[in-house]
Amino acid sequence: MKNIWKEREKALENQFIYEQEKEKIGKMRTAERERQIRELCRNRCPKCGEEIEAVTFRGVPLDRCPGCGGVWLGPNDLKILATKDHRSWFEKWFKAENESSESAA
C-alpha cells in the first residue's frame, strides 16, 4: 500500500509543477506577444497599417496617417489648438478631409 500512496503523492506533485510551469509559459507568451506588437507596430497606423508621418499644423506637431487620414495629438496639443481660432482651422481641416475622401470615392 505504501507504493500506491507514494505514487499518488508523486503524481499530485507532478501535476502541481505542471500547472505552475503552464502558467509561467502563458505569462511568457503574453509578454513576448506584447513586445512583438510594440516593435512591429511602431510608427504604424492602428487602423490601416500605413506608416505615420509627422506634420506640423498651426505650430503644433501632429502625427498623421496618409492612408486613412487619422490624426494623433500629444497630451497638450488639443489644448493648444483649442486656444487658436477654431472656426477657421476646423473648417479648413475638415473641408480638406472631405475633399480627399470624395475624390478617393
N, C-alpha and C. Protein backbone atom coordinates (compact mmCIF):
# COMPACT_ATOMS: atom_id res chain seq x y z
N MET A 1 0.80 -1.20 0.00
CA MET A 1 0.00 0.00 0.00
C MET A 1 0.84 1.27 0.00
N LYS A 2 2.02 1.17 0.60
CA LYS A 2 2.88 2.34 0.64
C LYS A 2 3.23 2.83 -0.76
N ASN A 3 3.45 1.93 -1.66
CA ASN A 3 3.81 2.31 -3.02
C ASN A 3 2.70 3.09 -3.71
N ILE A 4 1.45 2.72 -3.48
CA ILE A 4 0.31 3.42 -4.09
C ILE A 4 0.24 4.85 -3.58
N TRP A 5 0.40 5.04 -2.27
CA TRP A 5 0.36 6.39 -1.71
C TRP A 5 1.53 7.24 -2.19
N LYS A 6 2.67 6.64 -2.27
CA LYS A 6 3.84 7.38 -2.77
C LYS A 6 3.66 7.75 -4.24
N GLU A 7 3.10 6.84 -5.02
CA GLU A 7 2.84 7.13 -6.43
C GLU A 7 1.81 8.26 -6.57
N ARG A 8 0.77 8.23 -5.73
CA ARG A 8 -0.26 9.29 -5.77
C ARG A 8 0.35 10.63 -5.38
N GLU A 9 1.17 10.61 -4.32
CA GLU A 9 1.83 11.83 -3.88
C GLU A 9 2.73 12.39 -4.98
N LYS A 10 3.46 11.51 -5.61
CA LYS A 10 4.34 11.91 -6.72
C LYS A 10 3.52 12.47 -7.89
N ALA A 11 2.38 11.85 -8.20
CA ALA A 11 1.52 12.31 -9.29
C ALA A 11 0.94 13.69 -8.98
N LEU A 12 0.52 13.92 -7.73
CA LEU A 12 -0.01 15.23 -7.35
C LEU A 12 1.07 16.30 -7.41
N GLU A 13 2.26 15.93 -6.99
CA GLU A 13 3.38 16.86 -7.06
C GLU A 13 3.71 17.21 -8.52
N ASN A 14 3.72 16.21 -9.37
CA ASN A 14 3.96 16.44 -10.80
C ASN A 14 2.87 17.32 -11.41
N GLN A 15 1.63 17.08 -11.01
CA GLN A 15 0.52 17.89 -11.52
C GLN A 15 0.68 19.35 -11.07
N PHE A 16 1.07 19.56 -9.82
CA PHE A 16 1.27 20.91 -9.30
C PHE A 16 2.38 21.63 -10.06
N ILE A 17 3.49 20.95 -10.28
CA ILE A 17 4.61 21.54 -11.02
C ILE A 17 4.20 21.84 -12.46
N TYR A 18 3.46 20.91 -13.05
CA TYR A 18 2.97 21.11 -14.43
C TYR A 18 2.10 22.36 -14.53
N GLU A 19 1.19 22.54 -13.58
CA GLU A 19 0.31 23.72 -13.59
C GLU A 19 1.11 25.02 -13.43
N GLN A 20 2.10 24.99 -12.54
CA GLN A 20 2.94 26.17 -12.35
C GLN A 20 3.70 26.52 -13.62
N GLU A 21 4.29 25.53 -14.26
CA GLU A 21 5.05 25.77 -15.49
C GLU A 21 4.13 26.23 -16.62
N LYS A 22 2.95 25.68 -16.69
CA LYS A 22 1.97 26.08 -17.70
C LYS A 22 1.61 27.56 -17.53
N GLU A 23 1.42 27.98 -16.30
CA GLU A 23 1.10 29.38 -16.01
C GLU A 23 2.26 30.31 -16.39
N LYS A 24 3.48 29.91 -16.05
CA LYS A 24 4.67 30.70 -16.39
C LYS A 24 4.84 30.82 -17.90
N ILE A 25 4.63 29.71 -18.62
CA ILE A 25 4.74 29.74 -20.07
C ILE A 25 3.69 30.66 -20.68
N GLY A 26 2.48 30.64 -20.14
CA GLY A 26 1.42 31.54 -20.61
C GLY A 26 1.80 32.99 -20.42
N LYS A 27 2.36 33.32 -19.26
CA LYS A 27 2.79 34.70 -19.00
C LYS A 27 3.91 35.11 -19.94
N MET A 28 4.86 34.19 -20.19
CA MET A 28 5.96 34.49 -21.09
C MET A 28 5.45 34.70 -22.52
N ARG A 29 4.50 33.90 -22.96
CA ARG A 29 3.92 34.07 -24.30
C ARG A 29 3.23 35.42 -24.43
N THR A 30 2.46 35.78 -23.41
CA THR A 30 1.76 37.06 -23.42
C THR A 30 2.75 38.22 -23.48
N ALA A 31 3.80 38.15 -22.67
CA ALA A 31 4.81 39.21 -22.65
C ALA A 31 5.53 39.31 -23.99
N GLU A 32 5.87 38.18 -24.59
CA GLU A 32 6.55 38.19 -25.89
C GLU A 32 5.64 38.72 -26.99
N ARG A 33 4.38 38.36 -26.93
CA ARG A 33 3.42 38.86 -27.93
C ARG A 33 3.29 40.38 -27.84
N GLU A 34 3.18 40.89 -26.62
CA GLU A 34 3.10 42.35 -26.43
C GLU A 34 4.37 43.03 -26.93
N ARG A 35 5.52 42.45 -26.67
CA ARG A 35 6.78 43.02 -27.14
C ARG A 35 6.82 43.06 -28.66
N GLN A 36 6.41 41.98 -29.30
CA GLN A 36 6.41 41.94 -30.76
C GLN A 36 5.43 42.94 -31.36
N ILE A 37 4.27 43.07 -30.75
CA ILE A 37 3.28 44.04 -31.25
C ILE A 37 3.85 45.44 -31.16
N ARG A 38 4.45 45.79 -30.02
CA ARG A 38 5.02 47.13 -29.87
C ARG A 38 6.14 47.37 -30.87
N GLU A 39 6.97 46.36 -31.10
CA GLU A 39 8.10 46.51 -32.01
C GLU A 39 7.63 46.62 -33.46
N LEU A 40 6.72 45.77 -33.87
CA LEU A 40 6.30 45.74 -35.27
C LEU A 40 5.32 46.85 -35.63
N CYS A 41 4.60 47.38 -34.66
CA CYS A 41 3.59 48.40 -34.93
C CYS A 41 4.08 49.81 -34.65
N ARG A 42 5.34 49.96 -34.32
CA ARG A 42 5.87 51.29 -34.02
C ARG A 42 5.78 52.16 -35.26
N ASN A 43 5.25 53.36 -35.08
CA ASN A 43 5.07 54.34 -36.15
C ASN A 43 4.18 53.81 -37.27
N ARG A 44 3.20 52.99 -36.93
CA ARG A 44 2.23 52.48 -37.89
C ARG A 44 0.83 52.83 -37.43
N CYS A 45 -0.04 53.08 -38.39
CA CYS A 45 -1.43 53.39 -38.10
C CYS A 45 -2.14 52.14 -37.59
N PRO A 46 -2.84 52.23 -36.46
CA PRO A 46 -3.53 51.05 -35.95
C PRO A 46 -4.73 50.65 -36.81
N LYS A 47 -5.23 51.56 -37.64
CA LYS A 47 -6.39 51.25 -38.46
C LYS A 47 -6.00 50.58 -39.77
N CYS A 48 -5.07 51.18 -40.51
CA CYS A 48 -4.76 50.66 -41.86
C CYS A 48 -3.35 50.12 -42.00
N GLY A 49 -2.46 50.40 -41.03
CA GLY A 49 -1.11 49.85 -41.08
C GLY A 49 -0.10 50.70 -41.84
N GLU A 50 -0.53 51.81 -42.43
CA GLU A 50 0.40 52.69 -43.13
C GLU A 50 1.38 53.32 -42.15
N GLU A 51 2.51 53.76 -42.64
CA GLU A 51 3.50 54.42 -41.78
C GLU A 51 3.02 55.84 -41.48
N ILE A 52 3.05 56.20 -40.22
CA ILE A 52 2.58 57.52 -39.79
C ILE A 52 3.66 58.55 -40.07
N GLU A 53 3.24 59.71 -40.55
CA GLU A 53 4.20 60.78 -40.83
C GLU A 53 3.96 61.94 -39.87
N ALA A 54 5.04 62.57 -39.47
CA ALA A 54 4.96 63.73 -38.57
C ALA A 54 4.70 64.97 -39.40
N VAL A 55 3.71 65.76 -38.99
CA VAL A 55 3.39 67.02 -39.66
C VAL A 55 3.24 68.09 -38.59
N THR A 56 3.32 69.33 -39.02
CA THR A 56 3.10 70.46 -38.12
C THR A 56 1.88 71.22 -38.64
N PHE A 57 0.90 71.42 -37.76
CA PHE A 57 -0.31 72.14 -38.12
C PHE A 57 -0.49 73.29 -37.15
N ARG A 58 -0.46 74.50 -37.66
CA ARG A 58 -0.59 75.70 -36.83
C ARG A 58 0.42 75.73 -35.70
N GLY A 59 1.63 75.27 -35.98
CA GLY A 59 2.70 75.29 -34.99
C GLY A 59 2.63 74.17 -33.97
N VAL A 60 1.73 73.22 -34.18
CA VAL A 60 1.58 72.10 -33.25
C VAL A 60 1.99 70.82 -33.97
N PRO A 61 2.92 70.04 -33.40
CA PRO A 61 3.33 68.80 -34.05
C PRO A 61 2.24 67.73 -33.92
N LEU A 62 1.90 67.11 -35.04
CA LEU A 62 0.89 66.06 -35.07
C LEU A 62 1.45 64.84 -35.80
N ASP A 63 0.85 63.70 -35.59
CA ASP A 63 1.15 62.51 -36.37
C ASP A 63 -0.07 62.24 -37.23
N ARG A 64 0.17 62.01 -38.54
CA ARG A 64 -0.94 61.84 -39.47
C ARG A 64 -0.70 60.62 -40.34
N CYS A 65 -1.76 59.87 -40.59
CA CYS A 65 -1.68 58.70 -41.46
C CYS A 65 -2.07 59.13 -42.87
N PRO A 66 -1.18 58.94 -43.85
CA PRO A 66 -1.53 59.32 -45.22
C PRO A 66 -2.56 58.37 -45.84
N GLY A 67 -2.71 57.18 -45.31
CA GLY A 67 -3.64 56.20 -45.87
C GLY A 67 -5.09 56.49 -45.53
N CYS A 68 -5.39 56.60 -44.24
CA CYS A 68 -6.78 56.78 -43.82
C CYS A 68 -7.07 58.18 -43.29
N GLY A 69 -6.03 59.01 -43.11
CA GLY A 69 -6.24 60.38 -42.65
C GLY A 69 -6.35 60.51 -41.14
N GLY A 70 -6.05 59.46 -40.39
CA GLY A 70 -6.10 59.54 -38.94
C GLY A 70 -5.07 60.51 -38.40
N VAL A 71 -5.40 61.17 -37.29
CA VAL A 71 -4.53 62.16 -36.69
C VAL A 71 -4.36 61.84 -35.21
N TRP A 72 -3.12 61.91 -34.73
CA TRP A 72 -2.83 61.67 -33.32
C TRP A 72 -2.20 62.93 -32.74
N LEU A 73 -2.72 63.33 -31.60
CA LEU A 73 -2.25 64.53 -30.91
C LEU A 73 -1.53 64.12 -29.64
N GLY A 74 -0.60 64.95 -29.22
CA GLY A 74 0.07 64.75 -27.94
C GLY A 74 -0.86 65.20 -26.81
N PRO A 75 -0.43 65.05 -25.56
CA PRO A 75 -1.29 65.36 -24.42
C PRO A 75 -1.78 66.80 -24.37
N ASN A 76 -0.94 67.77 -24.74
CA ASN A 76 -1.35 69.17 -24.65
C ASN A 76 -1.67 69.78 -26.01
N ASP A 77 -1.53 69.02 -27.08
CA ASP A 77 -1.72 69.57 -28.42
C ASP A 77 -3.15 70.04 -28.67
N LEU A 78 -4.13 69.31 -28.18
CA LEU A 78 -5.52 69.71 -28.38
C LEU A 78 -5.82 71.01 -27.64
N LYS A 79 -5.25 71.17 -26.46
CA LYS A 79 -5.44 72.40 -25.71
C LYS A 79 -4.86 73.58 -26.48
N ILE A 80 -3.69 73.39 -27.05
CA ILE A 80 -3.04 74.46 -27.82
C ILE A 80 -3.89 74.81 -29.03
N LEU A 81 -4.37 73.80 -29.74
CA LEU A 81 -5.20 74.05 -30.92
C LEU A 81 -6.53 74.70 -30.54
N ALA A 82 -7.09 74.34 -29.40
CA ALA A 82 -8.37 74.90 -28.98
C ALA A 82 -8.25 76.38 -28.64
N THR A 83 -7.08 76.83 -28.22
CA THR A 83 -6.92 78.24 -27.88
C THR A 83 -6.82 79.11 -29.14
N LYS A 84 -6.50 78.50 -30.26
CA LYS A 84 -6.40 79.25 -31.52
C LYS A 84 -7.80 79.45 -32.09
N ASP A 85 -7.92 80.23 -33.12
CA ASP A 85 -9.21 80.49 -33.75
C ASP A 85 -9.74 79.18 -34.34
N HIS A 86 -10.66 78.56 -33.64
CA HIS A 86 -11.10 77.23 -34.02
C HIS A 86 -11.96 77.20 -35.28
N ARG A 87 -12.69 78.26 -35.58
CA ARG A 87 -13.57 78.23 -36.75
C ARG A 87 -12.78 78.06 -38.04
N SER A 88 -11.74 78.85 -38.19
CA SER A 88 -11.02 78.80 -39.46
C SER A 88 -10.25 77.49 -39.64
N TRP A 89 -9.52 77.03 -38.63
CA TRP A 89 -8.72 75.83 -38.85
C TRP A 89 -9.55 74.57 -38.83
N PHE A 90 -10.65 74.54 -38.03
CA PHE A 90 -11.51 73.37 -38.08
C PHE A 90 -12.17 73.23 -39.45
N GLU A 91 -12.65 74.36 -39.98
CA GLU A 91 -13.29 74.33 -41.30
C GLU A 91 -12.31 73.90 -42.37
N LYS A 92 -11.09 74.45 -42.35
CA LYS A 92 -10.09 74.08 -43.35
C LYS A 92 -9.71 72.61 -43.22
N TRP A 93 -9.53 72.16 -41.99
CA TRP A 93 -9.12 70.78 -41.77
C TRP A 93 -10.16 69.80 -42.30
N PHE A 94 -11.42 69.99 -41.88
CA PHE A 94 -12.45 69.05 -42.27
C PHE A 94 -12.86 69.21 -43.73
N LYS A 95 -12.73 70.42 -44.27
CA LYS A 95 -13.01 70.61 -45.68
C LYS A 95 -11.98 69.83 -46.52
N ALA A 96 -10.73 69.90 -46.13
CA ALA A 96 -9.68 69.16 -46.84
C ALA A 96 -9.90 67.65 -46.71
N GLU A 97 -10.33 67.19 -45.55
CA GLU A 97 -10.61 65.77 -45.34
C GLU A 97 -11.77 65.31 -46.21
N ASN A 98 -12.84 66.12 -46.27
CA ASN A 98 -14.00 65.74 -47.09
C ASN A 98 -13.66 65.72 -48.55
N GLU A 99 -12.87 66.69 -49.01
CA GLU A 99 -12.48 66.72 -50.42
C GLU A 99 -11.62 65.52 -50.79
N SER A 100 -10.72 65.13 -49.91
CA SER A 100 -9.85 63.99 -50.21
C SER A 100 -10.64 62.69 -50.19
N SER A 101 -11.62 62.56 -49.29
CA SER A 101 -12.41 61.34 -49.25
C SER A 101 -13.38 61.27 -50.42
N GLU A 102 -13.90 62.42 -50.87
CA GLU A 102 -14.79 62.43 -52.04
C GLU A 102 -14.03 62.13 -53.32
N SER A 103 -12.81 62.63 -53.42
CA SER A 103 -12.02 62.37 -54.63
C SER A 103 -11.56 60.91 -54.67
N ALA A 104 -11.38 60.29 -53.51
CA ALA A 104 -10.99 58.89 -53.46
C ALA A 104 -12.15 57.98 -53.84
N ALA A 105 -13.36 58.44 -53.57
CA ALA A 105 -14.55 57.61 -53.86
C ALA A 105 -14.94 57.72 -55.28
